[in-house]
PDB file of N, CA and C in Angstrom:
ATOM      1  N   UNK A   1     164.282  41.151 121.417  1.00  0.00           N
ATOM      2  CA  UNK A   1     165.015  42.302 120.515  1.00  0.00           C
ATOM      3  C   UNK A   1     165.662  43.416 121.673  1.00  0.00           C
ATOM      4  N   UNK A   2     165.622  43.661 122.989  1.00  0.00           N
ATOM      5  CA  UNK A   2     166.314  44.546 123.479  1.00  0.00           C
ATOM      6  C   UNK A   2     165.447  45.108 124.404  1.00  0.00           C
ATOM      7  N   UNK A   3     166.028  46.027 125.022  1.00  0.00           N
ATOM      8  CA  UNK A   3     165.491  46.720 125.956  1.00  0.00           C
ATOM      9  C   UNK A   3     166.281  48.387 125.973  1.00  0.00           C
ATOM     10  N   UNK A   4     165.237  49.290 125.884  1.00  0.00           N
ATOM     11  CA  UNK A   4     165.529  50.815 126.268  1.00  0.00           C
ATOM     12  C   UNK A   4     165.024  51.492 126.774  1.00  0.00           C
ATOM     13  N   UNK A   5     165.267  52.518 127.094  1.00  0.00           N
ATOM     14  CA  UNK A   5     164.623  53.610 127.741  1.00  0.00           C
ATOM     15  C   UNK A   5     164.964  55.270 127.394  1.00  0.00           C
ATOM     16  N   UNK A   6     164.107  56.132 127.722  1.00  0.00           N
ATOM     17  CA  UNK A   6     164.097  57.614 127.269  1.00  0.00           C
ATOM     18  C   UNK A   6     163.563  58.227 128.374  1.00  0.00           C
ATOM     19  N   UNK A   7     164.305  59.408 128.712  1.00  0.00           N
ATOM     20  CA  UNK A   7     163.581  60.561 129.607  1.00  0.00           C
ATOM     21  C   UNK A   7     163.184  62.017 129.031  1.00  0.00           C
ATOM     22  N   UNK A   8     162.009  62.318 128.971  1.00  0.00           N
ATOM     23  CA  UNK A   8     161.818  63.730 128.865  1.00  0.00           C
ATOM     24  C   UNK A   8     161.048  64.213 129.790  1.00  0.00           C
ATOM     25  N   UNK A   9     162.103  65.507 129.921  1.00  0.00           N
ATOM     26  CA  UNK A   9     161.798  66.448 131.214  1.00  0.00           C
ATOM     27  C   UNK A   9     160.290  67.221 130.576  1.00  0.00           C
ATOM     28  N   UNK A  10     159.301  66.982 131.085  1.00  0.00           N
ATOM     29  CA  UNK A  10     158.219  67.988 130.631  1.00  0.00           C
ATOM     30  C   UNK A  10     158.085  69.315 131.769  1.00  0.00           C
ATOM     31  N   UNK A  11     159.062  69.221 132.342  1.00  0.00           N
ATOM     32  CA  UNK A  11     158.960  70.895 132.651  1.00  0.00           C
ATOM     33  C   UNK A  11     159.533  71.459 131.900  1.00  0.00           C
ATOM     34  N   UNK A  12     160.337  71.638 131.282  1.00  0.00           N
ATOM     35  CA  UNK A  12     161.619  72.119 130.536  1.00  0.00           C
ATOM     36  C   UNK A  12     161.413  71.885 128.827  1.00  0.00           C
ATOM     37  N   UNK A  13     160.417  70.900 129.061  1.00  0.00           N
ATOM     38  CA  UNK A  13     160.690  70.748 127.310  1.00  0.00           C
ATOM     39  C   UNK A  13     161.320  70.066 126.159  1.00  0.00           C
ATOM     40  N   UNK A  14     162.421  68.987 126.960  1.00  0.00           N
ATOM     41  CA  UNK A  14     163.546  68.810 126.282  1.00  0.00           C
ATOM     42  C   UNK A  14     163.888  67.204 127.119  1.00  0.00           C
ATOM     43  N   UNK A  15     164.331  66.746 126.206  1.00  0.00           N
ATOM     44  CA  UNK A  15     165.443  65.240 126.925  1.00  0.00           C
ATOM     45  C   UNK A  15     166.000  65.701 128.355  1.00  0.00           C
ATOM     46  N   UNK A  16     165.850  64.818 129.274  1.00  0.00           N
ATOM     47  CA  UNK A  16     166.621  64.861 130.287  1.00  0.00           C
ATOM     48  C   UNK A  16     167.945  64.442 130.325  1.00  0.00           C
ATOM     49  N   UNK A  17     168.196  65.129 129.579  1.00  0.00           N
ATOM     50  CA  UNK A  17     170.499  64.969 129.139  1.00  0.00           C
ATOM     51  C   UNK A  17     170.919  64.784 130.709  1.00  0.00           C
ATOM     52  N   UNK A  18     171.630  64.284 130.960  1.00  0.00           N
ATOM     53  CA  UNK A  18     172.227  64.386 132.282  1.00  0.00           C
ATOM     54  C   UNK A  18     172.198  63.560 133.773  1.00  0.00           C
ATOM     55  N   UNK A  19     170.805  63.212 133.371  1.00  0.00           N
ATOM     56  CA  UNK A  19     169.521  62.265 134.676  1.00  0.00           C
ATOM     57  C   UNK A  19     170.723  60.716 134.829  1.00  0.00           C
ATOM     58  N   UNK A  20     171.024  60.528 135.821  1.00  0.00           N
ATOM     59  CA  UNK A  20     171.839  59.603 136.443  1.00  0.00           C
ATOM     60  C   UNK A  20     170.320  58.583 136.715  1.00  0.00           C
ATOM     61  N   UNK A  21     170.799  57.618 136.357  1.00  0.00           N
ATOM     62  CA  UNK A  21     169.409  56.338 136.677  1.00  0.00           C
ATOM     63  C   UNK A  21     170.482  54.730 136.129  1.00  0.00           C
ATOM     64  N   UNK A  22     169.930  53.907 136.833  1.00  0.00           N
ATOM     65  CA  UNK A  22     170.589  52.480 137.449  1.00  0.00           C
ATOM     66  C   UNK A  22     169.390  51.701 136.726  1.00  0.00           C
ATOM     67  N   UNK A  23     169.843  50.623 136.446  1.00  0.00           N
ATOM     68  CA  UNK A  23     169.268  49.139 136.004  1.00  0.00           C
ATOM     69  C   UNK A  23     169.187  47.971 136.749  1.00  0.00           C
ATOM     70  N   UNK A  24     168.333  47.767 137.248  1.00  0.00           N
ATOM     71  CA  UNK A  24     168.378  46.230 137.862  1.00  0.00           C
ATOM     72  C   UNK A  24     167.430  45.135 137.237  1.00  0.00           C
ATOM     73  N   UNK A  25     167.861  43.820 138.178  1.00  0.00           N
ATOM     74  CA  UNK A  25     167.300  42.889 137.929  1.00  0.00           C
ATOM     75  C   UNK A  25     166.772  42.547 139.155  1.00  0.00           C
ATOM     76  N   UNK A  26     165.492  41.766 139.360  1.00  0.00           N
ATOM     77  CA  UNK A  26     164.518  41.666 140.441  1.00  0.00           C
ATOM     78  C   UNK A  26     164.366  39.755 140.358  1.00  0.00           C
ATOM     79  N   UNK A  27     164.939  39.562 141.611  1.00  0.00           N
ATOM     80  CA  UNK A  27     164.418  38.138 141.409  1.00  0.00           C
ATOM     81  C   UNK A  27     164.126  37.938 143.238  1.00  0.00           C
ATOM     82  N   UNK A  28     163.226  37.218 143.180  1.00  0.00           N
ATOM     83  CA  UNK A  28     162.441  36.947 144.851  1.00  0.00           C
ATOM     84  C   UNK A  28     162.541  37.970 145.809  1.00  0.00           C
ATOM     85  N   UNK A  29     162.244  39.488 144.685  1.00  0.00           N
ATOM     86  CA  UNK A  29     162.116  40.721 145.735  1.00  0.00           C
ATOM     87  C   UNK A  29     163.457  41.340 145.729  1.00  0.00           C
ATOM     88  N   UNK A  30     164.596  40.869 145.673  1.00  0.00           N
ATOM     89  CA  UNK A  30     165.745  41.582 145.714  1.00  0.00           C
ATOM     90  C   UNK A  30     166.243  41.913 144.213  1.00  0.00           C
ATOM     91  N   UNK A  31     166.237  43.047 144.532  1.00  0.00           N
ATOM     92  CA  UNK A  31     167.313  43.972 143.220  1.00  0.00           C
ATOM     93  C   UNK A  31     168.731  43.633 143.564  1.00  0.00           C
ATOM     94  N   UNK A  32     169.367  43.079 142.040  1.00  0.00           N
ATOM     95  CA  UNK A  32     170.550  43.264 141.945  1.00  0.00           C
ATOM     96  C   UNK A  32     171.158  44.398 140.977  1.00  0.00           C
ATOM     97  N   UNK A  33     172.113  45.190 141.116  1.00  0.00           N
ATOM     98  CA  UNK A  33     172.373  46.433 140.231  1.00  0.00           C
ATOM     99  C   UNK A  33     172.853  45.543 139.266  1.00  0.00           C
ATOM    100  N   UNK A  34     172.789  45.872 137.858  1.00  0.00           N
ATOM    101  CA  UNK A  34     173.279  45.985 136.198  1.00  0.00           C
ATOM    102  C   UNK A  34     174.064  46.597 135.745  1.00  0.00           C
ATOM    103  N   UNK A  35     173.810  47.837 136.114  1.00  0.00           N
ATOM    104  CA  UNK A  35     174.898  48.579 135.434  1.00  0.00           C
ATOM    105  C   UNK A  35     174.110  50.171 135.785  1.00  0.00           C
ATOM    106  N   UNK A  36     174.815  51.246 136.226  1.00  0.00           N
ATOM    107  CA  UNK A  36     174.351  52.550 136.313  1.00  0.00           C
ATOM    108  C   UNK A  36     174.904  53.287 135.107  1.00  0.00           C
ATOM    109  N   UNK A  37     174.358  54.371 134.736  1.00  0.00           N
ATOM    110  CA  UNK A  37     174.419  54.982 133.529  1.00  0.00           C
ATOM    111  C   UNK A  37     174.129  56.530 133.582  1.00  0.00           C
ATOM    112  N   UNK A  38     174.258  57.509 132.712  1.00  0.00           N
ATOM    113  CA  UNK A  38     173.781  58.783 132.815  1.00  0.00           C
ATOM    114  C   UNK A  38     173.290  59.166 131.493  1.00  0.00           C
ATOM    115  N   UNK A  39     172.223  59.662 131.487  1.00  0.00           N
ATOM    116  CA  UNK A  39     171.609  59.908 129.902  1.00  0.00           C
ATOM    117  C   UNK A  39     172.573  61.100 128.677  1.00  0.00           C
ATOM    118  N   UNK A  40     172.100  60.554 127.736  1.00  0.00           N
ATOM    119  CA  UNK A  40     172.790  61.178 126.741  1.00  0.00           C
ATOM    120  C   UNK A  40     171.984  62.478 126.364  1.00  0.00           C
ATOM    121  N   UNK A  41     172.427  63.113 125.469  1.00  0.00           N
ATOM    122  CA  UNK A  41     172.027  64.359 124.830  1.00  0.00           C
ATOM    123  C   UNK A  41     170.514  64.568 124.248  1.00  0.00           C
ATOM    124  N   UNK A  42     170.201  63.292 124.424  1.00  0.00           N
ATOM    125  CA  UNK A  42     168.790  63.243 123.228  1.00  0.00           C
ATOM    126  C   UNK A  42     168.090  62.091 125.029  1.00  0.00           C
ATOM    127  N   UNK A  43     168.438  62.386 125.959  1.00  0.00           N
ATOM    128  CA  UNK A  43     167.564  61.965 127.208  1.00  0.00           C
ATOM    129  C   UNK A  43     167.663  60.147 127.551  1.00  0.00           C
ATOM    130  N   UNK A  44     168.842  59.752 126.141  1.00  0.00           N
ATOM    131  CA  UNK A  44     168.933  57.975 126.046  1.00  0.00           C
ATOM    132  C   UNK A  44     169.725  57.394 126.996  1.00  0.00           C
ATOM    133  N   UNK A  45     169.876  56.040 127.051  1.00  0.00           N
ATOM    134  CA  UNK A  45     171.108  55.143 127.671  1.00  0.00           C
ATOM    135  C   UNK A  45     172.386  55.485 126.613  1.00  0.00           C
ATOM    136  N   UNK A  46     173.460  56.149 126.891  1.00  0.00           N
ATOM    137  CA  UNK A  46     174.647  56.056 126.200  1.00  0.00           C
ATOM    138  C   UNK A  46     174.697  54.594 125.457  1.00  0.00           C
ATOM    139  N   UNK A  47     175.207  54.845 124.292  1.00  0.00           N
ATOM    140  CA  UNK A  47     175.952  53.389 123.635  1.00  0.00           C
ATOM    141  C   UNK A  47     174.396  52.467 123.264  1.00  0.00           C
ATOM    142  N   UNK A  48     173.776  52.848 123.302  1.00  0.00           N
ATOM    143  CA  UNK A  48     172.183  52.550 122.403  1.00  0.00           C
ATOM    144  C   UNK A  48     171.640  51.591 123.728  1.00  0.00           C
ATOM    145  N   UNK A  49     170.636  50.189 123.217  1.00  0.00           N
ATOM    146  CA  UNK A  49     169.745  49.662 124.299  1.00  0.00           C
ATOM    147  C   UNK A  49     170.337  49.397 125.486  1.00  0.00           C
ATOM    148  N   UNK A  50     169.912  49.204 126.567  1.00  0.00           N
ATOM    149  CA  UNK A  50     170.414  48.455 127.805  1.00  0.00           C
ATOM    150  C   UNK A  50     170.942  47.141 127.669  1.00  0.00           C
ATOM    151  N   UNK A  51     169.633  46.238 126.933  1.00  0.00           N
ATOM    152  CA  UNK A  51     170.269  44.977 126.500  1.00  0.00           C
ATOM    153  C   UNK A  51     169.795  45.066 125.355  1.00  0.00           C
ATOM    154  N   UNK A  52     170.610  44.449 124.139  1.00  0.00           N
ATOM    155  CA  UNK A  52     170.956  44.588 122.829  1.00  0.00           C
ATOM    156  C   UNK A  52     169.883  42.684 122.660  1.00  0.00           C
ATOM    157  N   UNK A  53     169.501  42.736 121.277  1.00  0.00           N
ATOM    158  CA  UNK A  53     169.221  41.696 120.743  1.00  0.00           C
ATOM    159  C   UNK A  53     169.952  40.336 121.727  1.00  0.00           C
ATOM    160  N   UNK A  54     169.009  39.124 121.655  1.00  0.00           N
ATOM    161  CA  UNK A  54     169.247  38.155 122.247  1.00  0.00           C
ATOM    162  C   UNK A  54     169.721  38.293 123.894  1.00  0.00           C
ATOM    163  N   UNK A  55     169.842  39.303 124.313  1.00  0.00           N
ATOM    164  CA  UNK A  55     170.746  39.594 125.652  1.00  0.00           C
ATOM    165  C   UNK A  55     169.507  39.988 126.891  1.00  0.00           C
ATOM    166  N   UNK A  56     168.177  40.449 126.692  1.00  0.00           N
ATOM    167  CA  UNK A  56     167.301  40.012 127.296  1.00  0.00           C
ATOM    168  C   UNK A  56     166.712  39.174 127.550  1.00  0.00           C
ATOM    169  N   UNK A  57     166.217  38.673 128.555  1.00  0.00           N
ATOM    170  CA  UNK A  57     165.762  37.429 129.852  1.00  0.00           C
ATOM    171  C   UNK A  57     164.103  37.857 130.405  1.00  0.00           C
ATOM    172  N   UNK A  58     163.368  36.667 130.232  1.00  0.00           N
ATOM    173  CA  UNK A  58     162.019  36.956 130.734  1.00  0.00           C
ATOM    174  C   UNK A  58     162.455  37.133 131.965  1.00  0.00           C
ATOM    175  N   UNK A  59     161.800  37.961 132.931  1.00  0.00           N
ATOM    176  CA  UNK A  59     161.961  38.439 134.453  1.00  0.00           C
ATOM    177  C   UNK A  59     161.327  39.423 134.772  1.00  0.00           C
ATOM    178  N   UNK A  60     161.943  39.874 135.720  1.00  0.00           N
ATOM    179  CA  UNK A  60     161.644  41.249 136.373  1.00  0.00           C
ATOM    180  C   UNK A  60     162.781  42.135 136.464  1.00  0.00           C
ATOM    181  N   UNK A  61     162.672  43.287 136.405  1.00  0.00           N
ATOM    182  CA  UNK A  61     163.511  44.572 136.019  1.00  0.00           C
ATOM    183  C   UNK A  61     162.872  45.671 136.838  1.00  0.00           C
ATOM    184  N   UNK A  62     164.143  46.724 137.150  1.00  0.00           N
ATOM    185  CA  UNK A  62     163.474  47.971 137.626  1.00  0.00           C
ATOM    186  C   UNK A  62     164.342  48.784 137.189  1.00  0.00           C
ATOM    187  N   UNK A  63     164.283  49.934 136.958  1.00  0.00           N
ATOM    188  CA  UNK A  63     164.934  51.376 136.607  1.00  0.00           C
ATOM    189  C   UNK A  63     164.558  52.127 137.329  1.00  0.00           C
ATOM    190  N   UNK A  64     165.722  52.701 137.974  1.00  0.00           N
ATOM    191  CA  UNK A  64     166.137  53.648 138.811  1.00  0.00           C
ATOM    192  C   UNK A  64     166.276  54.902 138.062  1.00  0.00           C
ATOM    193  N   UNK A  65     165.594  56.373 138.267  1.00  0.00           N
ATOM    194  CA  UNK A  65     166.013  57.748 137.805  1.00  0.00           C
ATOM    195  C   UNK A  65     166.100  58.602 138.935  1.00  0.00           C
ATOM    196  N   UNK A  66     167.052  59.449 138.981  1.00  0.00           N
ATOM    197  CA  UNK A  66     167.789  60.429 140.438  1.00  0.00           C
ATOM    198  C   UNK A  66     166.945  61.410 139.385  1.00  0.00           C
ATOM    199  N   UNK A  67     165.540  61.920 139.836  1.00  0.00           N
ATOM    200  CA  UNK A  67     164.925  63.217 139.344  1.00  0.00           C
ATOM    201  C   UNK A  67     164.625  64.471 140.208  1.00  0.00           C
ATOM    202  N   UNK A  68     165.464  64.159 141.295  1.00  0.00           N
ATOM    203  CA  UNK A  68     165.514  65.191 142.191  1.00  0.00           C
ATOM    204  C   UNK A  68     166.561  65.439 141.956  1.00  0.00           C
ATOM    205  N   UNK A  69     167.838  64.912 141.938  1.00  0.00           N
ATOM    206  CA  UNK A  69     168.805  65.561 141.539  1.00  0.00           C
ATOM    207  C   UNK A  69     169.245  66.210 139.698  1.00  0.00           C
ATOM    208  N   UNK A  70     168.641  65.611 139.092  1.00  0.00           N
ATOM    209  CA  UNK A  70     168.752  66.137 137.630  1.00  0.00           C
ATOM    210  C   UNK A  70     168.045  67.709 137.478  1.00  0.00           C
ATOM    211  N   UNK A  71     166.665  68.095 138.479  1.00  0.00           N
ATOM    212  CA  UNK A  71     166.158  68.965 138.575  1.00  0.00           C
ATOM    213  C   UNK A  71     166.688  70.142 139.323  1.00  0.00           C
ATOM    214  N   UNK A  72     167.911  70.012 140.250  1.00  0.00           N
ATOM    215  CA  UNK A  72     168.507  70.541 141.523  1.00  0.00           C
ATOM    216  C   UNK A  72     169.325  70.846 140.039  1.00  0.00           C
ATOM    217  N   UNK A  73     170.207  70.255 139.280  1.00  0.00           N
ATOM    218  CA  UNK A  73     171.106  70.617 138.545  1.00  0.00           C
ATOM    219  C   UNK A  73     170.898  71.557 137.425  1.00  0.00           C
ATOM    220  N   UNK A  74     169.380  71.656 137.287  1.00  0.00           N
ATOM    221  CA  UNK A  74     168.802  72.266 136.424  1.00  0.00           C
ATOM    222  C   UNK A  74     168.619  73.718 136.839  1.00  0.00           C
ATOM    223  N   UNK A  75     168.483  73.883 138.028  1.00  0.00           N
ATOM    224  CA  UNK A  75     168.251  75.110 138.641  1.00  0.00           C
ATOM    225  C   UNK A  75     166.521  75.418 139.410  1.00  0.00           C
ATOM    226  N   UNK A  76     166.025  74.128 139.149  1.00  0.00           N
ATOM    227  CA  UNK A  76     164.459  74.530 139.984  1.00  0.00           C
ATOM    228  C   UNK A  76     164.833  74.633 141.228  1.00  0.00           C
ATOM    229  N   UNK A  77     163.924  75.149 141.725  1.00  0.00           N
ATOM    230  CA  UNK A  77     163.716  75.459 142.818  1.00  0.00           C
ATOM    231  C   UNK A  77     162.394  74.483 143.722  1.00  0.00           C
ATOM    232  N   UNK A  78     163.305  73.346 144.371  1.00  0.00           N
ATOM    233  CA  UNK A  78     162.368  72.285 144.910  1.00  0.00           C
ATOM    234  C   UNK A  78     162.550  72.363 146.408  1.00  0.00           C
ATOM    235  N   UNK A  79     161.005  71.866 147.181  1.00  0.00           N
ATOM    236  CA  UNK A  79     161.232  71.784 148.259  1.00  0.00           C
ATOM    237  C   UNK A  79     162.436  70.857 148.836  1.00  0.00           C
ATOM    238  N   UNK A  80     162.309  70.848 150.430  1.00  0.00           N
ATOM    239  CA  UNK A  80     163.399  69.838 151.023  1.00  0.00           C
ATOM    240  C   UNK A  80     162.447  69.244 152.186  1.00  0.00           C
ATOM    241  N   UNK A  81     161.951  68.168 151.974  1.00  0.00           N
ATOM    242  CA  UNK A  81     162.348  66.859 150.916  1.00  0.00           C
ATOM    243  C   UNK A  81     161.420  66.946 149.641  1.00  0.00           C
ATOM    244  N   UNK A  82     162.078  67.146 148.624  1.00  0.00           N
ATOM    245  CA  UNK A  82     161.531  66.937 147.555  1.00  0.00           C
ATOM    246  C   UNK A  82     160.011  65.736 146.880  1.00  0.00           C
ATOM    247  N   UNK A  83     159.463  66.698 146.301  1.00  0.00           N
ATOM    248  CA  UNK A  83     158.243  65.756 145.886  1.00  0.00           C
ATOM    249  C   UNK A  83     158.490  64.185 145.719  1.00  0.00           C
ATOM    250  N   UNK A  84     159.332  64.427 144.468  1.00  0.00           N
ATOM    251  CA  UNK A  84     159.990  63.260 144.143  1.00  0.00           C
ATOM    252  C   UNK A  84     161.146  63.479 144.113  1.00  0.00           C
ATOM    253  N   UNK A  85     161.823  62.244 144.534  1.00  0.00           N
ATOM    254  CA  UNK A  85     163.203  62.031 144.450  1.00  0.00           C
ATOM    255  C   UNK A  85     163.729  60.989 143.499  1.00  0.00           C
ATOM    256  N   UNK A  86     163.812  59.930 143.859  1.00  0.00           N
ATOM    257  CA  UNK A  86     164.028  59.229 142.715  1.00  0.00           C
ATOM    258  C   UNK A  86     162.669  58.419 142.245  1.00  0.00           C
ATOM    259  N   UNK A  87     162.346  58.278 140.886  1.00  0.00           N
ATOM    260  CA  UNK A  87     161.256  57.231 140.526  1.00  0.00           C
ATOM    261  C   UNK A  87     162.132  55.977 140.352  1.00  0.00           C
ATOM    262  N   UNK A  88     161.057  55.265 140.658  1.00  0.00           N
ATOM    263  CA  UNK A  88     161.539  53.233 140.611  1.00  0.00           C
ATOM    264  C   UNK A  88     160.504  52.580 139.464  1.00  0.00           C
ATOM    265  N   UNK A  89     160.789  52.274 138.839  1.00  0.00           N
ATOM    266  CA  UNK A  89     159.717  51.996 137.787  1.00  0.00           C
ATOM    267  C   UNK A  89     160.192  50.266 137.218  1.00  0.00           C
ATOM    268  N   UNK A  90     159.426  49.424 138.318  1.00  0.00           N
ATOM    269  CA  UNK A  90     159.188  48.058 138.043  1.00  0.00           C
ATOM    270  C   UNK A  90     158.512  47.453 137.203  1.00  0.00           C
ATOM    271  N   UNK A  91     158.891  46.680 136.065  1.00  0.00           N
ATOM    272  CA  UNK A  91     158.162  45.874 134.827  1.00  0.00           C
ATOM    273  C   UNK A  91     158.845  44.761 134.955  1.00  0.00           C
ATOM    274  N   UNK A  92     157.909  44.132 134.000  1.00  0.00           N
ATOM    275  CA  UNK A  92     157.811  42.594 133.808  1.00  0.00           C
ATOM    276  C   UNK A  92     158.008  42.307 132.302  1.00  0.00           C
ATOM    277  N   UNK A  93     159.119  41.270 132.128  1.00  0.00           N
ATOM    278  CA  UNK A  93     159.572  40.875 130.750  1.00  0.00           C
ATOM    279  C   UNK A  93     158.812  39.294 130.329  1.00  0.00           C
ATOM    280  N   UNK A  94     158.246  39.276 129.600  1.00  0.00           N
ATOM    281  CA  UNK A  94     157.448  38.005 129.406  1.00  0.00           C
ATOM    282  C   UNK A  94     158.083  37.702 128.101  1.00  0.00           C
ATOM    283  N   UNK A  95     157.971  38.305 126.814  1.00  0.00           N
ATOM    284  CA  UNK A  95     158.363  37.772 125.418  1.00  0.00           C
ATOM    285  C   UNK A  95     159.848  38.232 125.513  1.00  0.00           C
ATOM    286  N   UNK A  96     160.985  38.466 126.193  1.00  0.00           N
ATOM    287  CA  UNK A  96     162.176  38.917 125.340  1.00  0.00           C
ATOM    288  C   UNK A  96     162.554  38.572 124.323  1.00  0.00           C
ATOM    289  N   UNK A  97     161.991  38.369 123.211  1.00  0.00           N
ATOM    290  CA  UNK A  97     162.079  38.236 121.735  1.00  0.00           C
ATOM    291  C   UNK A  97     161.457  39.423 121.338  1.00  0.00           C
ATOM    292  N   UNK A  98     160.651  40.134 122.047  1.00  0.00           N
ATOM    293  CA  UNK A  98     160.175  41.729 121.441  1.00  0.00           C
ATOM    294  C   UNK A  98     161.138  42.456 122.294  1.00  0.00           C
ATOM    295  N   UNK A  99     161.081  43.782 121.681  1.00  0.00           N
ATOM    296  CA  UNK A  99     161.836  44.725 122.266  1.00  0.00           C
ATOM    297  C   UNK A  99     160.480  45.780 123.467  1.00  0.00           C
ATOM    298  N   UNK A 100     161.346  46.217 124.416  1.00  0.00           N
ATOM    299  CA  UNK A 100     160.825  46.332 125.540  1.00  0.00           C
ATOM    300  C   UNK A 100     161.308  47.649 125.593  1.00  0.00           C
ATOM    301  N   UNK A 101     160.565  49.000 125.277  1.00  0.00           N
ATOM    302  CA  UNK A 101     161.048  50.453 125.607  1.00  0.00           C
ATOM    303  C   UNK A 101     160.423  51.134 126.889  1.00  0.00           C
ATOM    304  N   UNK A 102     161.229  51.366 127.456  1.00  0.00           N
ATOM    305  CA  UNK A 102     160.391  51.770 129.042  1.00  0.00           C
ATOM    306  C   UNK A 102     160.641  53.637 128.987  1.00  0.00           C
ATOM    307  N   UNK A 103     159.984  54.080 128.517  1.00  0.00           N
ATOM    308  CA  UNK A 103     160.015  56.098 128.477  1.00  0.00           C
ATOM    309  C   UNK A 103     159.633  56.537 129.657  1.00  0.00           C
ATOM    310  N   UNK A 104     159.954  57.385 130.162  1.00  0.00           N
ATOM    311  CA  UNK A 104     159.845  57.844 131.325  1.00  0.00           C
ATOM    312  C   UNK A 104     159.702  59.591 131.148  1.00  0.00           C
ATOM    313  N   UNK A 105     158.372  60.077 131.412  1.00  0.00           N
ATOM    314  CA  UNK A 105     157.604  61.291 131.156  1.00  0.00           C
ATOM    315  C   UNK A 105     157.926  62.084 132.398  1.00  0.00           C
ATOM    316  N   UNK A 106     158.705  63.278 132.802  1.00  0.00           N
ATOM    317  CA  UNK A 106     158.854  63.680 134.045  1.00  0.00           C
ATOM    318  C   UNK A 106     159.144  64.876 134.446  1.00  0.00           C
ATOM    319  N   UNK A 107     158.065  65.646 135.371  1.00  0.00           N
ATOM    320  CA  UNK A 107     158.390  66.811 136.236  1.00  0.00           C
ATOM    321  C   UNK A 107     159.025  66.589 137.614  1.00  0.00           C
ATOM    322  N   UNK A 108     159.276  68.212 138.552  1.00  0.00           N
ATOM    323  CA  UNK A 108     159.802  67.602 139.513  1.00  0.00           C
ATOM    324  C   UNK A 108     158.314  66.966 140.556  1.00  0.00           C
ATOM    325  N   UNK A 109     156.986  67.229 139.935  1.00  0.00           N
ATOM    326  CA  UNK A 109     155.588  66.918 140.747  1.00  0.00           C
ATOM    327  C   UNK A 109     155.027  65.570 139.942  1.00  0.00           C
ATOM    328  N   UNK A 110     155.592  65.167 139.076  1.00  0.00           N
ATOM    329  CA  UNK A 110     154.529  64.273 138.252  1.00  0.00           C
ATOM    330  C   UNK A 110     155.200  63.444 137.259  1.00  0.00           C
ATOM    331  N   UNK A 111     154.930  61.871 136.547  1.00  0.00           N
ATOM    332  CA  UNK A 111     155.782  61.087 136.130  1.00  0.00           C
ATOM    333  C   UNK A 111     154.808  60.301 135.366  1.00  0.00           C
ATOM    334  N   UNK A 112     154.893  59.830 134.096  1.00  0.00           N
ATOM    335  CA  UNK A 112     154.410  58.825 133.576  1.00  0.00           C
ATOM    336  C   UNK A 112     155.151  57.997 132.881  1.00  0.00           C
ATOM    337  N   UNK A 113     154.850  56.606 132.764  1.00  0.00           N
ATOM    338  CA  UNK A 113     155.043  55.773 131.901  1.00  0.00           C
ATOM    339  C   UNK A 113     154.574  54.768 131.014  1.00  0.00           C
ATOM    340  N   UNK A 114     155.077  54.079 130.191  1.00  0.00           N
ATOM    341  CA  UNK A 114     153.941  53.026 129.516  1.00  0.00           C
ATOM    342  C   UNK A 114     155.225  52.195 128.649  1.00  0.00           C
ATOM    343  N   UNK A 115     154.735  51.278 128.201  1.00  0.00           N
ATOM    344  CA  UNK A 115     155.754  50.388 127.323  1.00  0.00           C
ATOM    345  C   UNK A 115     155.208  50.851 125.734  1.00  0.00           C
ATOM    346  N   UNK A 116     156.565  51.365 125.177  1.00  0.00           N
ATOM    347  CA  UNK A 116     156.784  51.948 124.186  1.00  0.00           C
ATOM    348  C   UNK A 116     157.234  50.630 122.826  1.00  0.00           C
ATOM    349  N   UNK A 117     157.322  51.518 121.982  1.00  0.00           N
ATOM    350  CA  UNK A 117     157.649  50.358 120.719  1.00  0.00           C
ATOM    351  C   UNK A 117     159.166  50.778 120.423  1.00  0.00           C
TER     352      UNK A 117
END
């Protein structure tokens, strides 16, 4: 049913609008860029899901989020180097007929993720 993501800025209590991100496929340990995008005002990928119904295939994927760049643009005083720079989420899709939602809750010092619905 597709693949989507959503990022919430837990430091400021808002969607991470404007955060740069990338989607990759991963085969034999090698990541191949599928697309770069910037999260919309709701902290989601612009234009809807990253893969729509029928487009998602079984396999390994990677989402990369530019956390340090986002928080610097928001005015956060970060150490150099930042504790978190890019957050990389590697995940597998075993049942592509289901929807895979990969949310990220992030601050400059911590993050969490889970398989959402």
